C-alpha atoms as a PDB file:
ATOM      1  CA  MET A   1      39.333-197.776  94.174  1.00  0.00           C
ATOM      2  CA  ASN A   2      36.883-195.397  95.601  1.00  0.00           C
ATOM      3  CA  ASN A   3      37.298-191.477  95.452  1.00  0.00           C
ATOM      4  CA  LYS A   4      39.951-191.641  92.780  1.00  0.00           C
ATOM      5  CA  ILE A   5      41.065-188.327  91.575  1.00  0.00           C
ATOM      6  CA  LYS A   6      40.336-187.960  87.826  1.00  0.00           C
ATOM      7  CA  PHE A   7      43.200-186.809  85.686  1.00  0.00           C
ATOM      8  CA  TYR A   8      41.326-185.257  82.748  1.00  0.00           C
ATOM      9  CA  SER A   9      38.296-182.921  82.595  1.00  0.00           C
ATOM     10  CA  ASN A  10      36.100-182.614  79.752  1.00  0.00           C
ATOM     11  CA  ASP A  11      37.691-179.467  78.390  1.00  0.00           C
ATOM     12  CA  ASP A  12      41.275-180.128  79.479  1.00  0.00           C
ATOM     13  CA  PRO A  13      43.856-178.495  77.139  1.00  0.00           C
ATOM     14  CA  ILE A  14      46.062-181.555  77.493  1.00  0.00           C
ATOM     15  CA  LYS A  15      43.594-183.370  75.199  1.00  0.00           C
ATOM     16  CA  LYS A  16      45.218-181.556  72.402  1.00  0.00           C
ATOM     17  CA  PHE A  17      48.275-183.665  72.865  1.00  0.00           C
ATOM     18  CA  VAL A  18      46.754-187.045  73.384  1.00  0.00           C
ATOM     19  CA  GLU A  19      44.605-189.400  71.721  1.00  0.00           C
ATOM     20  CA  LYS A  20      40.987-189.906  72.715  1.00  0.00           C
ATOM     21  CA  ASP A  21      41.209-193.656  73.433  1.00  0.00           C
ATOM     22  CA  THR A  22      43.944-192.941  76.080  1.00  0.00           C
ATOM     23  CA  LEU A  23      41.490-190.925  78.254  1.00  0.00           C
ATOM     24  CA  GLY A  24      39.251-192.130  80.941  1.00  0.00           C
ATOM     25  CA  GLU A  25      38.320-191.608  84.622  1.00  0.00           C
ATOM     26  CA  GLU A  26      40.295-194.691  85.791  1.00  0.00           C
ATOM     27  CA  LEU A  27      43.615-193.941  84.032  1.00  0.00           C
ATOM     28  CA  SER A  28      45.178-192.004  86.737  1.00  0.00           C
ATOM     29  CA  PRO A  29      44.727-191.057  90.467  1.00  0.00           C
ATOM     30  CA  PHE A  30      45.893-187.536  89.682  1.00  0.00           C
ATOM     31  CA  ASP A  31      43.195-185.951  87.581  1.00  0.00           C
ATOM     32  CA  PRO A  32      40.930-183.145  89.056  1.00  0.00           C
ATOM     33  CA  PRO A  33      37.324-183.155  88.059  1.00  0.00           C
ATOM     34  CA  ASP A  34      38.008-179.682  86.673  1.00  0.00           C
ATOM     35  CA  ALA A  35      41.442-178.305  85.418  1.00  0.00           C
ATOM     36  CA  PHE A  36      42.314-176.092  88.275  1.00  0.00           C
ATOM     37  CA  SER A  37      39.753-177.009  90.920  1.00  0.00           C
ATOM     38  CA  PRO A  38      40.744-177.751  94.515  1.00  0.00           C
ATOM     39  CA  GLN A  39      41.962-181.312  95.132  1.00  0.00           C
ATOM     40  CA  ASN A  40      41.047-183.901  97.796  1.00  0.00           C
ATOM     41  CA  ILE A  41      44.646-184.161  98.498  1.00  0.00           C
ATOM     42  CA  GLU A  42      45.860-181.851 101.176  1.00  0.00           C
ATOM     43  CA  ALA A  43      48.107-179.119 100.144  1.00  0.00           C
ATOM     44  CA  VAL A  44      51.733-178.979 101.305  1.00  0.00           C
ATOM     45  CA  ALA A  45      53.178-175.526 101.921  1.00  0.00           C
ATOM     46  CA  TYR A  46      56.413-174.822 100.083  1.00  0.00           C
ATOM     47  CA  LYS A  47      58.410-174.389 103.396  1.00  0.00           C
ATOM     48  CA  GLU A  48      57.140-178.007 104.369  1.00  0.00           C
ATOM     49  CA  MET A  49      58.209-179.657 101.112  1.00  0.00           C
ATOM     50  CA  HIS A  50      61.307-181.677 100.691  1.00  0.00           C
ATOM     51  CA  PRO A  51      64.278-179.521  99.548  1.00  0.00           C
ATOM     52  CA  PHE A  52      64.415-181.340  96.194  1.00  0.00           C
ATOM     53  CA  LEU A  53      60.713-180.564  95.650  1.00  0.00           C
ATOM     54  CA  GLN A  54      61.439-176.957  96.567  1.00  0.00           C
ATOM     55  CA  ILE A  55      64.019-176.913  93.686  1.00  0.00           C
ATOM     56  CA  LEU A  56      61.504-178.262  91.311  1.00  0.00           C
ATOM     57  CA  VAL A  57      58.888-175.625  92.370  1.00  0.00           C
ATOM     58  CA  ASP A  58      61.453-172.797  92.019  1.00  0.00           C
ATOM     59  CA  GLU A  59      62.160-174.154  88.484  1.00  0.00           C
ATOM     60  CA  HIS A  60      58.372-174.188  87.706  1.00  0.00           C
ATOM     61  CA  LEU A  61      58.163-170.678  88.733  1.00  0.00           C
ATOM     62  CA  ALA A  62      61.043-169.622  86.332  1.00  0.00           C
ATOM     63  CA  PHE A  63      59.342-171.526  83.535  1.00  0.00           C
ATOM     64  CA  THR A  64      55.993-170.081  84.179  1.00  0.00           C
ATOM     65  CA  LYS A  65      57.321-166.595  83.777  1.00  0.00           C
ATOM     66  CA  VAL A  66      58.791-167.671  80.412  1.00  0.00           C
ATOM     67  CA  LEU A  67      55.566-169.080  79.271  1.00  0.00           C
ATOM     68  CA  ASN A  68      53.797-165.875  80.201  1.00  0.00           C
ATOM     69  CA  VAL A  69      56.179-163.978  77.850  1.00  0.00           C
ATOM     70  CA  PHE A  70      55.781-166.591  75.221  1.00  0.00           C
ATOM     71  CA  GLU A  71      51.979-166.500  75.288  1.00  0.00           C
ATOM     72  CA  GLY A  72      52.170-162.675  75.241  1.00  0.00           C
ATOM     73  CA  ALA A  73      54.353-162.804  72.151  1.00  0.00           C
ATOM     74  CA  LEU A  74      52.098-165.185  70.299  1.00  0.00           C
ATOM     75  CA  ILE A  75      49.040-163.220  71.058  1.00  0.00           C
ATOM     76  CA  LYS A  76      50.826-160.025  69.834  1.00  0.00           C
ATOM     77  CA  TRP A  77      52.076-161.923  66.647  1.00  0.00           C
ATOM     78  CA  ARG A  78      48.454-162.843  65.820  1.00  0.00           C
ATOM     79  CA  LYS A  79      47.024-159.490  66.345  1.00  0.00           C
ATOM     80  CA  ASN A  80      50.024-158.072  64.202  1.00  0.00           C
ATOM     81  CA  ASN A  81      48.743-160.189  61.386  1.00  0.00           C
ATOM     82  CA  TRP A  82      51.771-162.716  61.675  1.00  0.00           C
ATOM     83  CA  ILE A  83      54.284-159.996  61.194  1.00  0.00           C
ATOM     84  CA  PHE A  84      57.251-160.277  63.513  1.00  0.00           C
ATOM     85  CA  THR A  85      58.706-157.325  65.617  1.00  0.00           C
ATOM     86  CA  ASP A  86      61.709-157.286  67.894  1.00  0.00           C
ATOM     87  CA  GLU A  87      59.407-157.743  70.966  1.00  0.00           C
ATOM     88  CA  ILE A  88      57.721-160.615  69.400  1.00  0.00           C
ATOM     89  CA  ASN A  89      60.950-162.425  68.274  1.00  0.00           C
ATOM     90  CA  SER A  90      62.527-161.835  71.709  1.00  0.00           C
ATOM     91  CA  GLY A  91      59.571-163.461  73.434  1.00  0.00           C
ATOM     92  CA  LEU A  92      59.683-166.531  71.145  1.00  0.00           C
ATOM     93  CA  LYS A  93      63.414-166.832  71.250  1.00  0.00           C
ATOM     94  CA  GLN A  94      63.409-166.633  75.015  1.00  0.00           C
ATOM     95  CA  PHE A  95      60.898-169.677  75.281  1.00  0.00           C
ATOM     96  CA  PHE A  96      62.857-171.866  72.851  1.00  0.00           C
ATOM     97  CA  ASN A  97      66.234-171.054  74.531  1.00  0.00           C
ATOM     98  CA  PHE A  98      64.802-171.705  77.935  1.00  0.00           C
ATOM     99  CA  PHE A  99      63.189-174.929  76.666  1.00  0.00           C
ATOM    100  CA  ASP A 100      66.334-176.275  75.238  1.00  0.00           C
ATOM    101  CA  GLU A 101      68.574-175.255  78.120  1.00  0.00           C
ATOM    102  CA  GLN A 102      66.495-175.654  81.274  1.00  0.00           C
ATOM    103  CA  VAL A 103      63.296-177.642  80.709  1.00  0.00           C
ATOM    104  CA  ALA A 104      64.926-180.844  79.470  1.00  0.00           C
ATOM    105  CA  LEU A 105      67.108-180.871  82.450  1.00  0.00           C
ATOM    106  CA  HIS A 106      64.143-180.183  84.840  1.00  0.00           C
ATOM    107  CA  ASN A 107      62.161-183.036  83.258  1.00  0.00           C
ATOM    108  CA  GLN A 108      65.052-185.539  83.656  1.00  0.00           C
ATOM    109  CA  LYS A 109      65.143-184.740  87.410  1.00  0.00           C
ATOM    110  CA  GLU A 110      61.475-185.609  87.741  1.00  0.00           C
ATOM    111  CA  GLU A 111      61.649-188.696  85.518  1.00  0.00           C
ATOM    112  CA  LYS A 112      64.870-190.225  87.034  1.00  0.00           C
ATOM    113  CA  LYS A 113      64.131-189.399  90.657  1.00  0.00           C
ATOM    114  CA  ILE A 114      60.470-188.492  91.395  1.00  0.00           C
ATOM    115  CA  PHE A 115      58.371-190.427  89.049  1.00  0.00           C
ATOM    116  CA  PRO A 116      59.973-193.931  89.453  1.00  0.00           C
ATOM    117  CA  LEU A 117      59.387-193.729  93.234  1.00  0.00           C
ATOM    118  CA  LEU A 118      55.870-192.588  92.944  1.00  0.00           C
ATOM    119  CA  HIS A 119      54.931-194.945  90.142  1.00  0.00           C
ATOM    120  CA  LYS A 120      56.019-197.920  92.204  1.00  0.00           C
ATOM    121  CA  LYS A 121      54.194-196.701  95.431  1.00  0.00           C
ATOM    122  CA  LEU A 122      51.063-195.951  93.488  1.00  0.00           C
ATOM    123  CA  ILE A 123      50.878-199.626  92.074  1.00  0.00           C
ATOM    124  CA  GLU A 124      51.615-200.877  95.599  1.00  0.00           C
ATOM    125  CA  THR A 125      48.728-198.830  97.056  1.00  0.00           C
ATOM    126  CA  GLY A 126      46.331-199.772  94.327  1.00  0.00           C
ATOM    127  CA  GLU A 127      46.205-196.350  92.665  1.00  0.00           C
ATOM    128  CA  HIS A 128      46.488-197.589  89.034  1.00  0.00           C
ATOM    129  CA  ASN A 129      44.398-198.356  86.063  1.00  0.00           C
ATOM    130  CA  THR A 130      42.057-201.196  86.863  1.00  0.00           C
ATOM    131  CA  LYS A 131      42.514-202.957  83.544  1.00  0.00           C
ATOM    132  CA  ASP A 132      46.312-202.518  83.702  1.00  0.00           C
ATOM    133  CA  SER A 133      48.001-202.298  87.128  1.00  0.00           C
ATOM    134  CA  SER A 134      51.261-201.238  85.555  1.00  0.00           C
ATOM    135  CA  PHE A 135      49.632-197.971  84.436  1.00  0.00           C
ATOM    136  CA  THR A 136      49.545-195.009  86.832  1.00  0.00           C
ATOM    137  CA  GLY A 137      49.152-191.183  86.577  1.00  0.00           C
ATOM    138  CA  ILE A 138      53.006-191.190  86.266  1.00  0.00           C
ATOM    139  CA  ASN A 139      52.670-192.641  82.785  1.00  0.00           C
ATOM    140  CA  LEU A 140      50.488-189.645  81.727  1.00  0.00           C
ATOM    141  CA  MET A 141      52.847-187.166  83.332  1.00  0.00           C
ATOM    142  CA  GLU A 142      55.822-188.738  81.385  1.00  0.00           C
ATOM    143  CA  ASP A 143      53.779-188.728  78.220  1.00  0.00           C
ATOM    144  CA  GLU A 144      53.037-185.089  78.602  1.00  0.00           C
ATOM    145  CA  HIS A 145      56.881-184.283  78.855  1.00  0.00           C
ATOM    146  CA  ILE A 146      57.341-186.004  75.557  1.00  0.00           C
ATOM    147  CA  LYS A 147      54.297-184.502  73.795  1.00  0.00           C
ATOM    148  CA  VAL A 148      55.069-181.040  74.813  1.00  0.00           C
ATOM    149  CA  ALA A 149      58.697-181.333  73.644  1.00  0.00           C
ATOM    150  CA  GLN A 150      57.350-182.620  70.296  1.00  0.00           C
ATOM    151  CA  ALA A 151      54.857-179.778  70.060  1.00  0.00           C
ATOM    152  CA  ALA A 152      57.643-177.216  70.730  1.00  0.00           C
ATOM    153  CA  ALA A 153      59.719-178.799  67.878  1.00  0.00           C
ATOM    154  CA  ILE A 154      56.628-178.440  65.656  1.00  0.00           C
ATOM    155  CA  VAL A 155      56.234-174.833  66.534  1.00  0.00           C
ATOM    156  CA  PHE A 156      59.863-173.946  66.008  1.00  0.00           C
ATOM    157  CA  ASN A 157      59.924-175.766  62.695  1.00  0.00           C
ATOM    158  CA  PHE A 158      56.613-174.166  61.399  1.00  0.00           C
ATOM    159  CA  LEU A 159      58.015-170.617  62.263  1.00  0.00           C
ATOM    160  CA  GLY A 160      61.042-171.261  60.142  1.00  0.00           C
ATOM    161  CA  LEU A 161      59.106-172.850  57.406  1.00  0.00           C
ATOM    162  CA  GLY A 162      56.433-170.193  57.326  1.00  0.00           C
ATOM    163  CA  SER A 163      59.129-167.513  57.114  1.00  0.00           C
ATOM    164  CA  ARG A 164      60.448-169.127  53.964  1.00  0.00           C
ATOM    165  CA  LEU A 165      57.067-169.556  52.096  1.00  0.00           C
ATOM    166  CA  PRO A 166      56.521-167.137  49.341  1.00  0.00           C
ATOM    167  CA  ASP A 167      52.776-167.601  49.097  1.00  0.00           C
ATOM    168  CA  ASN A 168      50.830-165.531  51.577  1.00  0.00           C
ATOM    169  CA  ARG A 169      48.072-167.933  52.112  1.00  0.00           C
ATOM    170  CA  SER A 170      50.395-170.903  52.729  1.00  0.00           C
ATOM    171  CA  LYS A 171      52.448-168.716  55.071  1.00  0.00           C
ATOM    172  CA  GLU A 172      49.354-167.799  57.032  1.00  0.00           C
ATOM    173  CA  ILE A 173      48.180-171.304  57.533  1.00  0.00           C
ATOM    174  CA  THR A 174      51.655-172.416  58.644  1.00  0.00           C
ATOM    175  CA  PHE A 175      51.866-169.494  61.134  1.00  0.00           C
ATOM    176  CA  LYS A 176      48.239-170.179  62.418  1.00  0.00           C
ATOM    177  CA  ALA A 177      49.116-173.817  63.112  1.00  0.00           C
ATOM    178  CA  ALA A 178      52.329-172.593  64.974  1.00  0.00           C
ATOM    179  CA  PHE A 179      50.267-170.246  67.049  1.00  0.00           C
ATOM    180  CA  GLU A 180      47.649-172.875  68.013  1.00  0.00           C
ATOM    181  CA  GLN A 181      50.275-175.339  68.946  1.00  0.00           C
ATOM    182  CA  GLY A 182      52.060-172.702  70.881  1.00  0.00           C
ATOM    183  CA  ILE A 183      49.029-171.633  72.945  1.00  0.00           C
ATOM    184  CA  ALA A 184      48.323-175.359  73.547  1.00  0.00           C
ATOM    185  CA  ILE A 185      51.955-175.796  75.093  1.00  0.00           C
ATOM    186  CA  VAL A 186      51.321-172.743  77.333  1.00  0.00           C
ATOM    187  CA  GLU A 187      47.946-174.202  78.541  1.00  0.00           C
ATOM    188  CA  THR A 188      49.228-177.738  78.902  1.00  0.00           C
ATOM    189  CA  MET A 189      52.372-176.811  80.781  1.00  0.00           C
ATOM    190  CA  LYS A 190      50.604-174.469  83.232  1.00  0.00           C
ATOM    191  CA  LEU A 191      48.156-177.262  84.041  1.00  0.00           C
ATOM    192  CA  HIS A 192      50.970-179.808  84.199  1.00  0.00           C
ATOM    193  CA  ILE A 193      52.893-177.640  86.702  1.00  0.00           C
ATOM    194  CA  PHE A 194      49.726-177.275  88.696  1.00  0.00           C
ATOM    195  CA  ARG A 195      49.123-181.035  88.901  1.00  0.00           C
ATOM    196  CA  GLU A 196      52.730-181.670  90.081  1.00  0.00           C
ATOM    197  CA  GLU A 197      52.547-179.098  92.843  1.00  0.00           C
ATOM    198  CA  ASN A 198      49.078-179.723  94.018  1.00  0.00           C
ATOM    199  CA  ILE A 199      48.723-183.404  93.440  1.00  0.00           C
ATOM    200  CA  LEU A 200      52.046-185.227  92.648  1.00  0.00           C
ATOM    201  CA  PHE A 201      54.262-183.496  95.216  1.00  0.00           C
ATOM    202  CA  PRO A 202      51.817-183.626  98.075  1.00  0.00           C
ATOM    203  CA  GLN A 203      51.316-187.520  97.276  1.00  0.00           C
ATOM    204  CA  LEU A 204      54.989-187.755  97.511  1.00  0.00           C
ATOM    205  CA  MET A 205      55.197-186.156 100.805  1.00  0.00           C
ATOM    206  CA  LEU A 206      52.190-188.295 101.986  1.00  0.00           C
ATOM    207  CA  LEU A 207      53.478-191.692 100.831  1.00  0.00           C
ATOM    208  CA  PHE A 208      57.080-191.411 101.815  1.00  0.00           C
ATOM    209  CA  THR A 209      58.858-190.499 105.020  1.00  0.00           C
ATOM    210  CA  LYS A 210      61.802-187.961 105.121  1.00  0.00           C
ATOM    211  CA  ASP A 211      64.214-190.885 105.338  1.00  0.00           C
ATOM    212  CA  ASP A 212      62.663-192.321 102.237  1.00  0.00           C
ATOM    213  CA  LEU A 213      63.517-189.065 100.355  1.00  0.00           C
ATOM    214  CA  THR A 214      66.934-188.443 101.720  1.00  0.00           C
ATOM    215  CA  GLY A 215      68.641-189.498  98.397  1.00  0.00           C
ATOM    216  CA  LEU A 216      66.685-187.098  96.230  1.00  0.00           C
ATOM    217  CA  VAL A 217      69.122-184.189  96.515  1.00  0.00           C
END
């Protein structure tokens, strides 16, 4: 289709969680040419969104605050030569608690109610991969949910493993890997949220009537 929205830019941090052979201009109608550049989909103001989408946006805001604290804790941890402080521990713990208790539920809402509707509609309107009509941007959004959850588990396990290693060099390598994955999670989730609020949600409002969306809440 003409004027498709690219899903990945060349320096997109989400590439840290995907294989190179899954990337490509035609894989999704959602991708901006640059990560946070303006889109060719008209924005929808919060007050004009469907109430269910407003709930998701509110949850995004809460998660973004946690991500900012998590990022700050990671950076302070690196600057402190991988030595934990009460402040650093608090920021890391807050992230993992929030991820376990809130993010999984949030993702389930999207995966059960929003994603199936839009995936089907995108196929019907021709906004899909030209080589595989069953593949749309929704497949990638779901994949990001999985890959970020996996990365969070890696960070959590590496933090525990590194704390138990007696060798300082091995400890530093493990903590550095945890740090890099943690920063990648922050970058990926902020971009993921941006895409949902500025591309996916507006598309949902564009392609469906209010009556179509009455069963969401």
